[in-house]
Amino acid sequence: MRPTLLLSTPFKRAQLGLFHGKTRQTGNSVPFSKSKTKRAWLPNVHSKRLTSDVLGEEMKLKVTTRALKTIKKHGSLDQYLLRTKADLLGWQGMKLRVQLEEKMKENELNQQKLPKQKVRVPPPAKLPKELVL
């Protein structure tokens, strides 16, 4: 049996962006006459351009306001993707996380391959006696 990543799919549209676990909610619309009608409430979704420092690119994503607040709390899109649980990210979030981790490993390997160069720092210049306290 192959190991698979299990993600809940409660709301198909939520898998195509960063929805941070927000889903479609259902309930009844109840007017004064008390005749109930089924209705649905959709998440507050915005299309935003977010930059990834590690990937070095700007991407256009569908993001809920909840996810935007969490991204701001974590400091960047990269930190949000690395710290958030898989079930809150959805398919696109997990895809971005995998790309991010691969790029970070690649950067680490490139850093190890580079020879370390010694930086020569010139000695401090001597100040005239008038300026020395």
C-alpha atoms as a PDB file:
ATOM      1  CA  MET A   1       0.000   0.000   0.000  1.00  0.00           C
ATOM      2  CA  ARG A   2       1.336   3.432  -0.940  1.00  0.00           C
ATOM      3  CA  PRO A   3       1.406   6.182   1.679  1.00  0.00           C
ATOM      4  CA  THR A   4      -0.951   8.969   0.709  1.00  0.00           C
ATOM      5  CA  LEU A   5      -1.516  12.405   2.076  1.00  0.00           C
ATOM      6  CA  LEU A   6      -5.083  12.564   3.327  1.00  0.00           C
ATOM      7  CA  LEU A   7      -6.759  15.912   2.994  1.00  0.00           C
ATOM      8  CA  SER A   8     -10.370  16.569   3.729  1.00  0.00           C
ATOM      9  CA  THR A   9     -12.309  17.870   0.741  1.00  0.00           C
ATOM     10  CA  PRO A  10     -15.394  19.489   2.200  1.00  0.00           C
ATOM     11  CA  PHE A  11     -15.563  22.268  -0.355  1.00  0.00           C
ATOM     12  CA  LYS A  12     -13.988  21.838  -3.770  1.00  0.00           C
ATOM     13  CA  ARG A  13     -13.306  25.539  -4.332  1.00  0.00           C
ATOM     14  CA  ALA A  14     -11.363  25.648  -1.057  1.00  0.00           C
ATOM     15  CA  GLN A  15      -8.734  23.346  -2.549  1.00  0.00           C
ATOM     16  CA  LEU A  16      -7.886  25.906  -5.241  1.00  0.00           C
ATOM     17  CA  GLY A  17      -6.535  28.540  -2.872  1.00  0.00           C
ATOM     18  CA  LEU A  18      -5.488  29.279   0.699  1.00  0.00           C
ATOM     19  CA  PHE A  19      -8.771  29.078   2.601  1.00  0.00           C
ATOM     20  CA  HIS A  20      -7.309  28.206   6.047  1.00  0.00           C
ATOM     21  CA  GLY A  21     -10.034  25.643   6.761  1.00  0.00           C
ATOM     22  CA  LYS A  22     -12.941  27.937   5.904  1.00  0.00           C
ATOM     23  CA  THR A  23     -15.747  26.122   4.133  1.00  0.00           C
ATOM     24  CA  ARG A  24     -19.229  26.684   2.821  1.00  0.00           C
ATOM     25  CA  GLN A  25     -21.774  26.807   5.628  1.00  0.00           C
ATOM     26  CA  THR A  26     -25.443  25.965   5.246  1.00  0.00           C
ATOM     27  CA  GLY A  27     -28.509  26.903   7.186  1.00  0.00           C
ATOM     28  CA  ASN A  28     -31.967  28.370   6.898  1.00  0.00           C
ATOM     29  CA  SER A  29     -33.079  31.808   5.859  1.00  0.00           C
ATOM     30  CA  VAL A  30     -35.923  32.591   8.266  1.00  0.00           C
ATOM     31  CA  PRO A  31     -38.150  35.585   7.428  1.00  0.00           C
ATOM     32  CA  PHE A  32     -40.851  37.098   9.625  1.00  0.00           C
ATOM     33  CA  SER A  33     -43.368  34.489   8.400  1.00  0.00           C
ATOM     34  CA  LYS A  34     -41.077  31.722   9.752  1.00  0.00           C
ATOM     35  CA  SER A  35     -41.094  29.805   6.440  1.00  0.00           C
ATOM     36  CA  LYS A  36     -37.571  28.382   6.331  1.00  0.00           C
ATOM     37  CA  THR A  37     -35.596  28.293   3.110  1.00  0.00           C
ATOM     38  CA  LYS A  38     -32.246  26.543   2.737  1.00  0.00           C
ATOM     39  CA  ARG A  39     -29.323  28.802   1.932  1.00  0.00           C
ATOM     40  CA  ALA A  40     -25.531  28.791   1.979  1.00  0.00           C
ATOM     41  CA  TRP A  41     -22.880  31.202   3.236  1.00  0.00           C
ATOM     42  CA  LEU A  42     -19.601  31.248   1.319  1.00  0.00           C
ATOM     43  CA  PRO A  43     -16.201  32.234   2.746  1.00  0.00           C
ATOM     44  CA  ASN A  44     -14.889  35.767   2.236  1.00  0.00           C
ATOM     45  CA  VAL A  45     -12.471  35.101  -0.637  1.00  0.00           C
ATOM     46  CA  HIS A  46     -10.170  37.626  -2.298  1.00  0.00           C
ATOM     47  CA  SER A  47      -7.732  37.248  -5.162  1.00  0.00           C
ATOM     48  CA  LYS A  48      -4.361  38.575  -3.945  1.00  0.00           C
ATOM     49  CA  ARG A  49      -0.792  38.715  -5.206  1.00  0.00           C
ATOM     50  CA  LEU A  50       1.518  37.332  -2.531  1.00  0.00           C
ATOM     51  CA  THR A  51       5.308  37.150  -2.756  1.00  0.00           C
ATOM     52  CA  SER A  52       7.423  34.229  -1.675  1.00  0.00           C
ATOM     53  CA  ASP A  53      10.903  35.194  -0.479  1.00  0.00           C
ATOM     54  CA  VAL A  54      12.382  31.708  -0.876  1.00  0.00           C
ATOM     55  CA  LEU A  55      10.833  30.967  -4.283  1.00  0.00           C
ATOM     56  CA  GLY A  56      11.593  34.505  -5.411  1.00  0.00           C
ATOM     57  CA  GLU A  57       8.305  35.028  -7.218  1.00  0.00           C
ATOM     58  CA  GLU A  58       4.970  36.734  -6.869  1.00  0.00           C
ATOM     59  CA  MET A  59       1.920  34.496  -7.245  1.00  0.00           C
ATOM     60  CA  LYS A  60      -1.762  35.268  -7.607  1.00  0.00           C
ATOM     61  CA  LEU A  61      -3.795  33.231  -5.111  1.00  0.00           C
ATOM     62  CA  LYS A  62      -7.369  33.045  -3.900  1.00  0.00           C
ATOM     63  CA  VAL A  63      -7.138  33.742  -0.188  1.00  0.00           C
ATOM     64  CA  THR A  64      -9.715  34.099   2.574  1.00  0.00           C
ATOM     65  CA  THR A  65      -9.472  36.994   4.996  1.00  0.00           C
ATOM     66  CA  ARG A  66      -8.775  34.468   7.747  1.00  0.00           C
ATOM     67  CA  ALA A  67      -5.755  33.166   5.814  1.00  0.00           C
ATOM     68  CA  LEU A  68      -4.555  36.739   5.164  1.00  0.00           C
ATOM     69  CA  LYS A  69      -4.671  37.513   8.891  1.00  0.00           C
ATOM     70  CA  THR A  70      -2.719  34.347   9.638  1.00  0.00           C
ATOM     71  CA  ILE A  71      -0.128  35.137   6.942  1.00  0.00           C
ATOM     72  CA  LYS A  72       0.330  38.572   8.485  1.00  0.00           C
ATOM     73  CA  LYS A  73       0.649  36.990  11.950  1.00  0.00           C
ATOM     74  CA  HIS A  74       3.360  34.560  10.769  1.00  0.00           C
ATOM     75  CA  GLY A  75       5.197  37.356   8.976  1.00  0.00           C
ATOM     76  CA  SER A  76       5.326  36.012   5.425  1.00  0.00           C
ATOM     77  CA  LEU A  77       3.715  33.574   3.019  1.00  0.00           C
ATOM     78  CA  ASP A  78       6.685  31.216   3.403  1.00  0.00           C
ATOM     79  CA  GLN A  79       6.362  31.016   7.193  1.00  0.00           C
ATOM     80  CA  TYR A  80       2.593  30.516   6.884  1.00  0.00           C
ATOM     81  CA  LEU A  81       3.063  27.582   4.501  1.00  0.00           C
ATOM     82  CA  LEU A  82       5.712  25.951   6.689  1.00  0.00           C
ATOM     83  CA  ARG A  83       3.937  26.369  10.053  1.00  0.00           C
ATOM     84  CA  THR A  84       0.282  25.680   9.176  1.00  0.00           C
ATOM     85  CA  LYS A  85      -1.263  22.215   9.519  1.00  0.00           C
ATOM     86  CA  ALA A  86      -1.808  20.280   6.303  1.00  0.00           C
ATOM     87  CA  ASP A  87      -5.569  19.990   6.748  1.00  0.00           C
ATOM     88  CA  LEU A  88      -5.887  23.795   6.837  1.00  0.00           C
ATOM     89  CA  LEU A  89      -3.767  24.390   3.729  1.00  0.00           C
ATOM     90  CA  GLY A  90      -5.655  22.379   1.112  1.00  0.00           C
ATOM     91  CA  TRP A  91      -4.210  21.035  -2.133  1.00  0.00           C
ATOM     92  CA  GLN A  92      -2.723  24.233  -3.472  1.00  0.00           C
ATOM     93  CA  GLY A  93      -1.225  25.130  -0.102  1.00  0.00           C
ATOM     94  CA  MET A  94       0.419  21.716   0.190  1.00  0.00           C
ATOM     95  CA  LYS A  95       1.703  22.001  -3.383  1.00  0.00           C
ATOM     96  CA  LEU A  96       3.288  25.354  -2.526  1.00  0.00           C
ATOM     97  CA  ARG A  97       4.741  23.922   0.711  1.00  0.00           C
ATOM     98  CA  VAL A  98       6.419  21.083  -1.220  1.00  0.00           C
ATOM     99  CA  GLN A  99       7.868  23.565  -3.744  1.00  0.00           C
ATOM    100  CA  LEU A 100       9.105  25.741  -0.888  1.00  0.00           C
ATOM    101  CA  GLU A 101      10.787  22.834   0.944  1.00  0.00           C
ATOM    102  CA  GLU A 102      12.458  21.621  -2.274  1.00  0.00           C
ATOM    103  CA  LYS A 103      13.806  25.108  -2.983  1.00  0.00           C
ATOM    104  CA  MET A 104      15.098  25.424   0.609  1.00  0.00           C
ATOM    105  CA  LYS A 105      16.946  22.077   0.305  1.00  0.00           C
ATOM    106  CA  GLU A 106      18.380  23.167  -3.030  1.00  0.00           C
ATOM    107  CA  ASN A 107      19.600  26.437  -1.486  1.00  0.00           C
ATOM    108  CA  GLU A 108      21.207  24.539   1.418  1.00  0.00           C
ATOM    109  CA  LEU A 109      23.053  22.245  -1.012  1.00  0.00           C
ATOM    110  CA  ASN A 110      24.274  25.243  -3.016  1.00  0.00           C
ATOM    111  CA  GLN A 111      25.520  26.927   0.174  1.00  0.00           C
ATOM    112  CA  GLN A 112      27.463  23.781   1.140  1.00  0.00           C
ATOM    113  CA  LYS A 113      29.083  23.510  -2.307  1.00  0.00           C
ATOM    114  CA  LEU A 114      30.413  27.085  -2.285  1.00  0.00           C
ATOM    115  CA  PRO A 115      33.938  27.418  -0.895  1.00  0.00           C
ATOM    116  CA  LYS A 116      34.059  29.633   2.132  1.00  0.00           C
ATOM    117  CA  GLN A 117      35.932  32.820   1.390  1.00  0.00           C
ATOM    118  CA  LYS A 118      37.847  34.653   4.041  1.00  0.00           C
ATOM    119  CA  VAL A 119      36.852  38.265   4.272  1.00  0.00           C
ATOM    120  CA  ARG A 120      39.736  40.518   5.047  1.00  0.00           C
ATOM    121  CA  VAL A 121      38.824  43.387   7.296  1.00  0.00           C
ATOM    122  CA  PRO A 122      41.250  46.312   7.203  1.00  0.00           C
ATOM    123  CA  PRO A 123      42.644  47.435  10.554  1.00  0.00           C
ATOM    124  CA  PRO A 124      40.868  50.405  12.117  1.00  0.00           C
ATOM    125  CA  ALA A 125      42.287  53.779  11.197  1.00  0.00           C
ATOM    126  CA  LYS A 126      44.078  55.672  13.951  1.00  0.00           C
ATOM    127  CA  LEU A 127      42.349  58.834  15.044  1.00  0.00           C
ATOM    128  CA  PRO A 128      44.232  62.080  15.697  1.00  0.00           C
ATOM    129  CA  LYS A 129      44.834  62.828  19.378  1.00  0.00           C
ATOM    130  CA  GLU A 130      42.445  65.784  19.285  1.00  0.00           C
ATOM    131  CA  LEU A 131      39.475  63.502  18.453  1.00  0.00           C
ATOM    132  CA  VAL A 132      40.252  60.824  21.056  1.00  0.00           C
ATOM    133  CA  LEU A 133      38.396  61.358  24.322  1.00  0.00           C
END
